[in-house]
Amino acid sequence: QLHLTTSEKNELVRSLEMVQNQLQEKENEIKREISDYKDRLLQAEKEHQDALTEANQKNEVEIEACHEKISSLEHFISSQRLEIEHLKSNKEQLNNSLKEANQALGELLKTKVR
């Protein structure tokens, strides 16, 4: 009876060791998978951050180009307004000169008719 119990005990100990070894292997495998997933996650986060940084830099360049274009257009509009004011002034002067010339012509015609 003692021999049989000892034999059963030894068999149970071997079974327990096998189960413990299997559990240890499974734990190691899960740890490797977790480590692999963490590495992949870090890589994906880095790629995402790099893409975001690149997009931000590109947007900054485009924004700066737009600001320069706006500034250029504002300068152009300002110069066009000045040109319009200058042309209005010239038109007014020409109209006044034309009135004076017409008045002088009218006076000449009156004196010629007399």
C-alpha atoms as a PDB file:
ATOM      1  CA  GLN A   1       0.000   0.000   0.000  1.00  0.00           C
ATOM      2  CA  LEU A   2       2.841   2.350   0.896  1.00  0.00           C
ATOM      3  CA  HIS A   3       4.609   1.525  -2.344  1.00  0.00           C
ATOM      4  CA  LEU A   4       1.435   2.217  -4.336  1.00  0.00           C
ATOM      5  CA  THR A   5       0.863   5.549  -2.560  1.00  0.00           C
ATOM      6  CA  THR A   6       4.476   6.563  -3.110  1.00  0.00           C
ATOM      7  CA  SER A   7       4.186   5.638  -6.759  1.00  0.00           C
ATOM      8  CA  GLU A   8       0.973   7.680  -7.112  1.00  0.00           C
ATOM      9  CA  LYS A   9       2.631  10.563  -5.311  1.00  0.00           C
ATOM     10  CA  ASN A  10       5.608  10.442  -7.682  1.00  0.00           C
ATOM     11  CA  GLU A  11       3.253  10.333 -10.658  1.00  0.00           C
ATOM     12  CA  LEU A  12       1.347  13.324  -9.310  1.00  0.00           C
ATOM     13  CA  VAL A  13       4.605  15.205  -8.712  1.00  0.00           C
ATOM     14  CA  ARG A  14       5.675  14.518 -12.331  1.00  0.00           C
ATOM     15  CA  SER A  15       2.273  15.640 -13.599  1.00  0.00           C
ATOM     16  CA  LEU A  16       2.474  18.762 -11.472  1.00  0.00           C
ATOM     17  CA  GLU A  17       5.972  19.530 -12.800  1.00  0.00           C
ATOM     18  CA  MET A  18       4.761  19.027 -16.379  1.00  0.00           C
ATOM     19  CA  VAL A  19       1.822  21.375 -15.798  1.00  0.00           C
ATOM     20  CA  GLN A  20       4.131  23.921 -14.131  1.00  0.00           C
ATOM     21  CA  ASN A  21       6.554  23.684 -17.080  1.00  0.00           C
ATOM     22  CA  GLN A  22       3.704  24.149 -19.554  1.00  0.00           C
ATOM     23  CA  LEU A  23       2.436  27.128 -17.586  1.00  0.00           C
ATOM     24  CA  GLN A  24       5.937  28.607 -17.480  1.00  0.00           C
ATOM     25  CA  GLU A  25       6.313  28.172 -21.257  1.00  0.00           C
ATOM     26  CA  LYS A  26       2.895  29.740 -21.832  1.00  0.00           C
ATOM     27  CA  GLU A  27       3.785  32.636 -19.524  1.00  0.00           C
ATOM     28  CA  ASN A  28       7.066  33.183 -21.392  1.00  0.00           C
ATOM     29  CA  GLU A  29       5.236  33.074 -24.727  1.00  0.00           C
ATOM     30  CA  ILE A  30       2.663  35.626 -23.503  1.00  0.00           C
ATOM     31  CA  LYS A  31       5.459  37.880 -22.197  1.00  0.00           C
ATOM     32  CA  ARG A  32       7.184  37.719 -25.602  1.00  0.00           C
ATOM     33  CA  GLU A  33       3.902  38.585 -27.346  1.00  0.00           C
ATOM     34  CA  ILE A  34       3.301  41.500 -24.957  1.00  0.00           C
ATOM     35  CA  SER A  35       6.830  42.754 -25.574  1.00  0.00           C
ATOM     36  CA  ASP A  36       6.309  42.434 -29.343  1.00  0.00           C
ATOM     37  CA  TYR A  37       3.004  44.332 -29.167  1.00  0.00           C
ATOM     38  CA  LYS A  38       4.614  47.064 -27.071  1.00  0.00           C
ATOM     39  CA  ASP A  39       7.431  47.408 -29.616  1.00  0.00           C
ATOM     40  CA  ARG A  40       4.940  47.592 -32.473  1.00  0.00           C
ATOM     41  CA  LEU A  41       2.851  50.131 -30.579  1.00  0.00           C
ATOM     42  CA  LEU A  42       5.909  52.312 -29.914  1.00  0.00           C
ATOM     43  CA  GLN A  43       6.893  52.094 -33.586  1.00  0.00           C
ATOM     44  CA  ALA A  44       3.376  53.029 -34.700  1.00  0.00           C
ATOM     45  CA  GLU A  45       3.314  55.954 -32.259  1.00  0.00           C
ATOM     46  CA  LYS A  46       6.693  57.152 -33.546  1.00  0.00           C
ATOM     47  CA  GLU A  47       5.549  56.908 -37.169  1.00  0.00           C
ATOM     48  CA  HIS A  48       2.345  58.755 -36.275  1.00  0.00           C
ATOM     49  CA  GLN A  49       4.281  61.497 -34.470  1.00  0.00           C
ATOM     50  CA  ASP A  50       6.718  61.817 -37.389  1.00  0.00           C
ATOM     51  CA  ALA A  51       3.830  62.122 -39.850  1.00  0.00           C
ATOM     52  CA  LEU A  52       2.152  64.694 -37.616  1.00  0.00           C
ATOM     53  CA  THR A  53       5.354  66.723 -37.317  1.00  0.00           C
ATOM     54  CA  GLU A  54       5.868  66.623 -41.075  1.00  0.00           C
ATOM     55  CA  ALA A  55       2.268  67.688 -41.715  1.00  0.00           C
ATOM     56  CA  ASN A  56       2.605  70.540 -39.209  1.00  0.00           C
ATOM     57  CA  GLN A  57       5.810  71.753 -40.859  1.00  0.00           C
ATOM     58  CA  LYS A  58       4.184  71.598 -44.286  1.00  0.00           C
ATOM     59  CA  ASN A  59       1.173  73.529 -42.978  1.00  0.00           C
ATOM     60  CA  GLU A  60       3.441  76.165 -41.427  1.00  0.00           C
ATOM     61  CA  VAL A  61       5.184  76.653 -44.782  1.00  0.00           C
ATOM     62  CA  GLU A  62       1.828  76.938 -46.573  1.00  0.00           C
ATOM     63  CA  ILE A  63       0.513  79.370 -43.953  1.00  0.00           C
ATOM     64  CA  GLU A  64       3.639  81.527 -44.302  1.00  0.00           C
ATOM     65  CA  ALA A  65       3.233  81.505 -48.107  1.00  0.00           C
ATOM     66  CA  CYS A  66      -0.407  82.570 -47.703  1.00  0.00           C
ATOM     67  CA  HIS A  67       0.586  85.386 -45.328  1.00  0.00           C
ATOM     68  CA  GLU A  68       3.154  86.599 -47.849  1.00  0.00           C
ATOM     69  CA  LYS A  69       0.592  86.456 -50.651  1.00  0.00           C
ATOM     70  CA  ILE A  70      -1.945  88.366 -48.542  1.00  0.00           C
ATOM     71  CA  SER A  71       0.666  90.992 -47.719  1.00  0.00           C
ATOM     72  CA  SER A  72       1.590  91.297 -51.377  1.00  0.00           C
ATOM     73  CA  LEU A  73      -2.066  91.654 -52.384  1.00  0.00           C
ATOM     74  CA  GLU A  74      -2.669  94.267 -49.689  1.00  0.00           C
ATOM     75  CA  HIS A  75       0.318  96.233 -50.989  1.00  0.00           C
ATOM     76  CA  PHE A  76      -0.986  95.912 -54.559  1.00  0.00           C
ATOM     77  CA  ILE A  77      -4.479  97.071 -53.502  1.00  0.00           C
ATOM     78  CA  SER A  78      -2.981 100.030 -51.666  1.00  0.00           C
ATOM     79  CA  SER A  79      -0.929 101.061 -54.688  1.00  0.00           C
ATOM     80  CA  GLN A  80      -3.994 100.681 -56.929  1.00  0.00           C
ATOM     81  CA  ARG A  81      -5.999 102.950 -54.614  1.00  0.00           C
ATOM     82  CA  LEU A  82      -3.261 105.559 -54.795  1.00  0.00           C
ATOM     83  CA  GLU A  83      -3.232 105.246 -58.578  1.00  0.00           C
ATOM     84  CA  ILE A  84      -7.031 105.682 -58.687  1.00  0.00           C
ATOM     85  CA  GLU A  85      -6.804 108.802 -56.510  1.00  0.00           C
ATOM     86  CA  HIS A  86      -4.062 110.157 -58.773  1.00  0.00           C
ATOM     87  CA  LEU A  87      -6.157 109.463 -61.875  1.00  0.00           C
ATOM     88  CA  LYS A  88      -9.221 111.116 -60.297  1.00  0.00           C
ATOM     89  CA  SER A  89      -7.128 114.173 -59.515  1.00  0.00           C
ATOM     90  CA  ASN A  90      -5.780 114.270 -63.073  1.00  0.00           C
ATOM     91  CA  LYS A  91      -9.303 113.883 -64.453  1.00  0.00           C
ATOM     92  CA  GLU A  92     -10.500 116.778 -62.321  1.00  0.00           C
ATOM     93  CA  GLN A  93      -7.605 118.941 -63.493  1.00  0.00           C
ATOM     94  CA  LEU A  94      -8.289 118.005 -67.129  1.00  0.00           C
ATOM     95  CA  ASN A  95     -11.993 118.768 -66.704  1.00  0.00           C
ATOM     96  CA  ASN A  96     -11.128 122.159 -65.220  1.00  0.00           C
ATOM     97  CA  SER A  97      -8.669 122.851 -68.059  1.00  0.00           C
ATOM     98  CA  LEU A  98     -11.302 121.775 -70.581  1.00  0.00           C
ATOM     99  CA  LYS A  99     -13.883 124.123 -68.985  1.00  0.00           C
ATOM    100  CA  GLU A 100     -11.374 126.976 -69.079  1.00  0.00           C
ATOM    101  CA  ALA A 101     -10.499 126.194 -72.689  1.00  0.00           C
ATOM    102  CA  ASN A 102     -14.183 126.053 -73.634  1.00  0.00           C
ATOM    103  CA  GLN A 103     -14.800 129.357 -71.858  1.00  0.00           C
ATOM    104  CA  ALA A 104     -11.835 130.924 -73.628  1.00  0.00           C
ATOM    105  CA  LEU A 105     -13.034 129.521 -76.939  1.00  0.00           C
ATOM    106  CA  GLY A 106     -16.493 130.897 -76.241  1.00  0.00           C
ATOM    107  CA  GLU A 107     -15.014 134.323 -75.497  1.00  0.00           C
ATOM    108  CA  LEU A 108     -12.932 134.181 -78.683  1.00  0.00           C
ATOM    109  CA  LEU A 109     -15.960 133.187 -80.711  1.00  0.00           C
ATOM    110  CA  LYS A 110     -17.967 136.070 -79.176  1.00  0.00           C
ATOM    111  CA  THR A 111     -15.276 138.572 -79.979  1.00  0.00           C
ATOM    112  CA  LYS A 112     -14.886 137.168 -83.480  1.00  0.00           C
ATOM    113  CA  VAL A 113     -18.620 137.428 -84.124  1.00  0.00           C
ATOM    114  CA  ARG A 114     -18.670 141.132 -83.074  1.00  0.00           C
END
